[in-house]
Amino acid sequence: MKVLAVLLLAATALLLIGCGEESKSDKSEISSLPKPTNEVTKLGEIPSFIGEGLTNEEKAELKEQILPAGVGDVKTAEEKFKALMEDAKAGNPAAQNGLGVMYYTGEAVSKSPSGQLLDNDPEVAAGWFFRAAEQGYADAQFNLGLMYANGEGIPQDMAQAAELFKKAAEQGHVDAQNNLGAMYFTGDGVARDEKKAIEWFEKAAAQGNEDARANLDAIKASGK
């Protein structure tokens, strides 16, 4: 399951579109990732910061991508959470990634130390994505890569983001391929290499990724 594809090409420059405020920090230690907690769940819509600037149609499309059928039913969400938690604790990477998505989108709701309900919990989401990514689960590698790229839940680390995108891209993850191409094009997290950028854009475009096709068209139009 994809959280959000974040790389787009504007003119001849690639931009990272983050879901939250960027933060400058040293590379985080794996041991510092938060431990998942077993909080109750409730109905969750797409948080406003994710849908900001999108049309109603775009919001509906994004919601369909990241929130599964039945999200409008609190009971269904609770049942889904319990089932995912059971499988996640047993080590199922798909369930671990699914829990990460629930915490990231706000479908699973956490509490602050003071007991206040949080709209979403990127720290716990990152923890679950990490556990699934450790097992080589491509969607989780992509999602955790986004967290590192945007500095959400964990300190921003473009090198870690690129490494995770590469692992997912090598498994055929189309959005990771496009994102990795963008990072090679800009030199964010990796040494700038336009040839590698084009190679990854071509791989993603071959799978029908429209952003990758737009990136290739823009590079071609710029005379590169």
Protein backbone atom coordinates (compact mmCIF):
# COMPACT_ATOMS: atom_id res chain seq x y z
CA MET A 1 0.00 0.00 0.00
CA LYS A 2 1.36 3.39 -0.90
CA VAL A 3 1.21 6.37 1.41
CA LEU A 4 2.02 9.12 -1.03
CA ALA A 5 4.17 9.64 -4.08
CA VAL A 6 6.08 12.83 -3.44
CA LEU A 7 8.35 13.61 -6.34
CA LEU A 8 7.23 15.74 -9.27
CA LEU A 9 9.10 17.58 -11.98
CA ALA A 10 8.57 21.31 -12.37
CA ALA A 11 10.21 22.72 -15.48
CA THR A 12 13.68 21.15 -15.36
CA ALA A 13 14.00 20.92 -11.58
CA LEU A 14 12.82 18.06 -9.40
CA LEU A 15 11.08 18.96 -6.16
CA LEU A 16 10.35 17.00 -3.03
CA ILE A 17 6.81 17.70 -1.92
CA GLY A 18 6.71 16.97 1.79
CA CYS A 19 3.73 16.14 3.93
CA GLY A 20 5.08 18.06 6.90
CA GLU A 21 7.68 20.62 7.92
CA GLU A 22 11.27 19.71 7.07
CA SER A 23 13.65 19.39 10.00
CA LYS A 24 17.45 19.47 10.08
CA SER A 25 18.93 16.76 12.23
CA ASP A 26 21.72 14.23 12.41
CA LYS A 27 21.13 10.71 11.15
CA SER A 28 18.88 8.88 13.56
CA GLU A 29 19.84 5.68 15.27
CA ILE A 30 17.71 2.64 14.51
CA SER A 31 17.35 2.02 18.23
CA SER A 32 15.63 5.38 18.62
CA LEU A 33 12.61 4.35 16.56
CA PRO A 34 9.48 4.31 18.70
CA LYS A 35 7.94 1.07 19.82
CA PRO A 36 4.43 0.44 18.46
CA THR A 37 1.69 0.69 21.01
CA ASN A 38 -1.69 -0.98 21.14
CA GLU A 39 -4.00 2.04 21.19
CA VAL A 40 -7.68 1.96 20.39
CA THR A 41 -8.75 3.05 16.92
CA LYS A 42 -11.47 5.23 15.55
CA LEU A 43 -12.69 6.53 12.23
CA GLY A 44 -9.99 8.48 10.38
CA GLU A 45 -10.16 10.78 7.41
CA ILE A 46 -7.17 12.01 5.43
CA PRO A 47 -5.42 14.61 7.64
CA SER A 48 -5.72 18.17 6.39
CA PHE A 49 -1.97 18.57 5.91
CA ILE A 50 -1.99 15.70 3.40
CA GLY A 51 -4.95 17.00 1.41
CA GLU A 52 -3.91 20.64 1.52
CA GLY A 53 -4.08 22.22 -1.92
CA LEU A 54 -5.86 19.25 -3.51
CA THR A 55 -9.21 19.40 -5.28
CA ASN A 56 -12.11 17.33 -3.94
CA GLU A 57 -11.56 14.87 -6.77
CA GLU A 58 -7.87 14.55 -5.95
CA LYS A 59 -8.66 14.08 -2.26
CA ALA A 60 -11.13 11.32 -3.11
CA GLU A 61 -8.55 9.61 -5.29
CA LEU A 62 -5.88 9.85 -2.59
CA LYS A 63 -8.29 8.56 0.04
CA GLU A 64 -9.12 5.58 -2.16
CA GLN A 65 -5.41 4.81 -2.48
CA ILE A 66 -4.46 5.01 1.18
CA LEU A 67 -7.66 4.25 3.08
CA PRO A 68 -9.19 0.83 2.42
CA ALA A 69 -12.86 0.08 1.88
CA GLY A 70 -14.86 0.31 5.09
CA VAL A 71 -12.91 3.21 6.57
CA GLY A 72 -16.18 5.06 7.08
CA ASP A 73 -17.25 2.45 9.60
CA VAL A 74 -15.71 2.79 13.07
CA LYS A 75 -16.42 -0.86 13.88
CA THR A 76 -14.78 -1.97 10.66
CA ALA A 77 -11.70 0.13 11.43
CA GLU A 78 -11.46 -1.34 14.93
CA GLU A 79 -11.78 -4.88 13.61
CA LYS A 80 -9.18 -4.19 10.96
CA PHE A 81 -6.80 -2.73 13.54
CA LYS A 82 -7.11 -5.74 15.84
CA ALA A 83 -6.53 -8.17 12.98
CA LEU A 84 -3.52 -6.24 11.71
CA MET A 85 -2.05 -5.91 15.20
CA GLU A 86 -2.29 -9.65 15.79
CA ASP A 87 -0.59 -10.44 12.48
CA ALA A 88 1.96 -7.66 12.92
CA LYS A 89 3.03 -8.95 16.33
CA ALA A 90 3.47 -12.36 14.70
CA GLY A 91 5.93 -10.76 12.29
CA ASN A 92 3.80 -10.39 9.16
CA PRO A 93 5.39 -7.52 7.15
CA ALA A 94 2.24 -6.70 5.20
CA ALA A 95 0.33 -6.28 8.48
CA GLN A 96 3.15 -4.20 9.96
CA ASN A 97 3.08 -1.92 6.93
CA GLY A 98 -0.72 -1.74 7.13
CA LEU A 99 -0.54 -0.62 10.75
CA GLY A 100 2.00 2.00 9.77
CA VAL A 101 -0.41 3.37 7.20
CA MET A 102 -3.24 3.45 9.76
CA TYR A 103 -1.14 5.44 12.22
CA TYR A 104 0.18 7.73 9.50
CA THR A 105 -3.24 8.60 8.10
CA GLY A 106 -4.96 8.86 11.48
CA GLU A 107 -7.21 5.85 11.02
CA ALA A 108 -5.53 4.42 14.11
CA VAL A 109 -5.37 7.11 16.77
CA SER A 110 -2.73 7.42 19.47
CA LYS A 111 -2.64 9.43 22.68
CA SER A 112 0.00 11.90 23.80
CA PRO A 113 1.68 11.43 27.21
CA SER A 114 -0.94 13.81 28.61
CA GLY A 115 -3.74 11.66 27.22
CA GLN A 116 -4.70 13.95 24.34
CA LEU A 117 -5.83 12.20 21.17
CA LEU A 118 -3.51 12.77 18.23
CA ASP A 119 -4.74 13.29 14.67
CA ASN A 120 -2.02 10.95 13.48
CA ASP A 121 1.18 9.45 14.84
CA PRO A 122 4.10 9.48 12.38
CA GLU A 123 6.54 8.21 15.02
CA VAL A 124 4.60 5.02 15.60
CA ALA A 125 3.97 4.74 11.85
CA ALA A 126 7.72 4.92 11.21
CA GLY A 127 8.30 2.21 13.80
CA TRP A 128 5.96 -0.19 12.02
CA PHE A 129 7.30 0.70 8.58
CA PHE A 130 10.81 0.01 9.89
CA ARG A 131 9.87 -3.46 11.14
CA ALA A 132 8.36 -4.39 7.76
CA ALA A 133 11.20 -2.77 5.81
CA GLU A 134 13.70 -4.86 7.78
CA GLN A 135 12.07 -7.91 6.25
CA GLY A 136 12.49 -6.55 2.73
CA TYR A 137 8.86 -5.51 2.24
CA ALA A 138 8.97 -3.06 -0.69
CA ASP A 139 5.93 -0.95 0.22
CA ALA A 140 7.29 -0.42 3.74
CA GLN A 141 10.73 0.47 2.39
CA PHE A 142 9.07 3.07 0.17
CA ASN A 143 6.92 4.43 3.01
CA LEU A 144 9.84 4.62 5.43
CA GLY A 145 11.85 6.31 2.69
CA LEU A 146 9.18 9.00 2.53
CA MET A 147 9.35 9.47 6.28
CA TYR A 148 13.11 10.01 6.09
CA ALA A 149 12.79 12.29 3.06
CA ASN A 150 10.20 14.49 4.76
CA GLY A 151 11.55 14.29 8.30
CA GLU A 152 8.26 12.91 9.61
CA GLY A 153 8.38 10.84 12.78
CA ILE A 154 12.14 10.48 12.38
CA PRO A 155 14.92 13.00 11.64
CA GLN A 156 15.25 13.92 7.99
CA ASP A 157 17.96 11.87 6.28
CA MET A 158 18.07 11.98 2.50
CA ALA A 159 20.79 9.32 2.27
CA GLN A 160 18.59 6.87 4.22
CA ALA A 161 15.63 7.81 2.04
CA ALA A 162 17.61 7.11 -1.13
CA GLU A 163 18.83 3.79 0.24
CA LEU A 164 15.30 2.68 1.07
CA PHE A 165 13.91 3.87 -2.26
CA LYS A 166 16.66 1.90 -4.01
CA LYS A 167 15.81 -1.30 -2.13
CA ALA A 168 12.15 -0.94 -3.06
CA ALA A 169 12.95 0.14 -6.63
CA GLU A 170 15.09 -2.93 -7.20
CA GLN A 171 12.03 -5.01 -6.33
CA GLY A 172 10.04 -3.20 -9.02
CA HIS A 173 8.25 -0.64 -6.83
CA VAL A 174 7.25 1.92 -9.44
CA ASP A 175 6.94 5.00 -7.19
CA ALA A 176 10.26 4.19 -5.55
CA GLN A 177 11.82 3.99 -9.01
CA ASN A 178 10.53 7.44 -9.88
CA ASN A 179 11.61 8.91 -6.55
CA LEU A 180 15.06 7.37 -6.84
CA GLY A 181 15.37 8.80 -10.33
CA ALA A 182 14.51 12.23 -8.94
CA MET A 183 17.13 11.94 -6.22
CA TYR A 184 19.81 10.98 -8.72
CA PHE A 185 18.75 13.91 -10.88
CA THR A 186 19.01 16.43 -8.04
CA GLY A 187 21.81 14.77 -6.10
CA ASP A 188 19.75 14.60 -2.91
CA GLY A 189 21.02 11.75 -0.73
CA VAL A 190 23.17 10.36 -3.56
CA ALA A 191 25.88 11.58 -5.90
CA ARG A 192 24.20 13.35 -8.81
CA ASP A 193 24.06 11.04 -11.80
CA GLU A 194 21.76 12.05 -14.66
CA LYS A 195 22.31 8.77 -16.49
CA LYS A 196 21.09 6.75 -13.50
CA ALA A 197 18.21 9.19 -13.06
CA ILE A 198 17.05 8.58 -16.61
CA GLU A 199 17.45 4.80 -16.19
CA TRP A 200 15.16 4.78 -13.15
CA PHE A 201 12.67 7.13 -14.77
CA GLU A 202 12.56 4.78 -17.77
CA LYS A 203 11.93 1.77 -15.53
CA ALA A 204 9.06 3.56 -13.81
CA ALA A 205 7.66 4.91 -17.08
CA ALA A 206 7.70 1.40 -18.53
CA GLN A 207 5.31 0.42 -15.73
CA GLY A 208 2.98 3.29 -16.61
CA ASN A 209 4.09 5.88 -14.06
CA GLU A 210 2.94 9.24 -15.40
CA ASP A 211 5.27 11.29 -13.18
CA ALA A 212 8.26 9.39 -14.54
CA ARG A 213 7.09 10.02 -18.09
CA ALA A 214 6.71 13.71 -17.33
CA ASN A 215 10.20 13.74 -15.84
CA LEU A 216 11.66 12.14 -18.96
CA ASP A 217 9.77 14.58 -21.21
CA ALA A 218 11.04 17.54 -19.20
CA ILE A 219 14.64 16.31 -19.37
CA LYS A 220 14.28 15.81 -23.10
CA ALA A 221 12.72 19.25 -23.55
CA SER A 222 15.58 20.84 -21.63
CA GLY A 223 18.04 19.40 -24.12
CA LYS A 224 19.77 17.17 -21.61
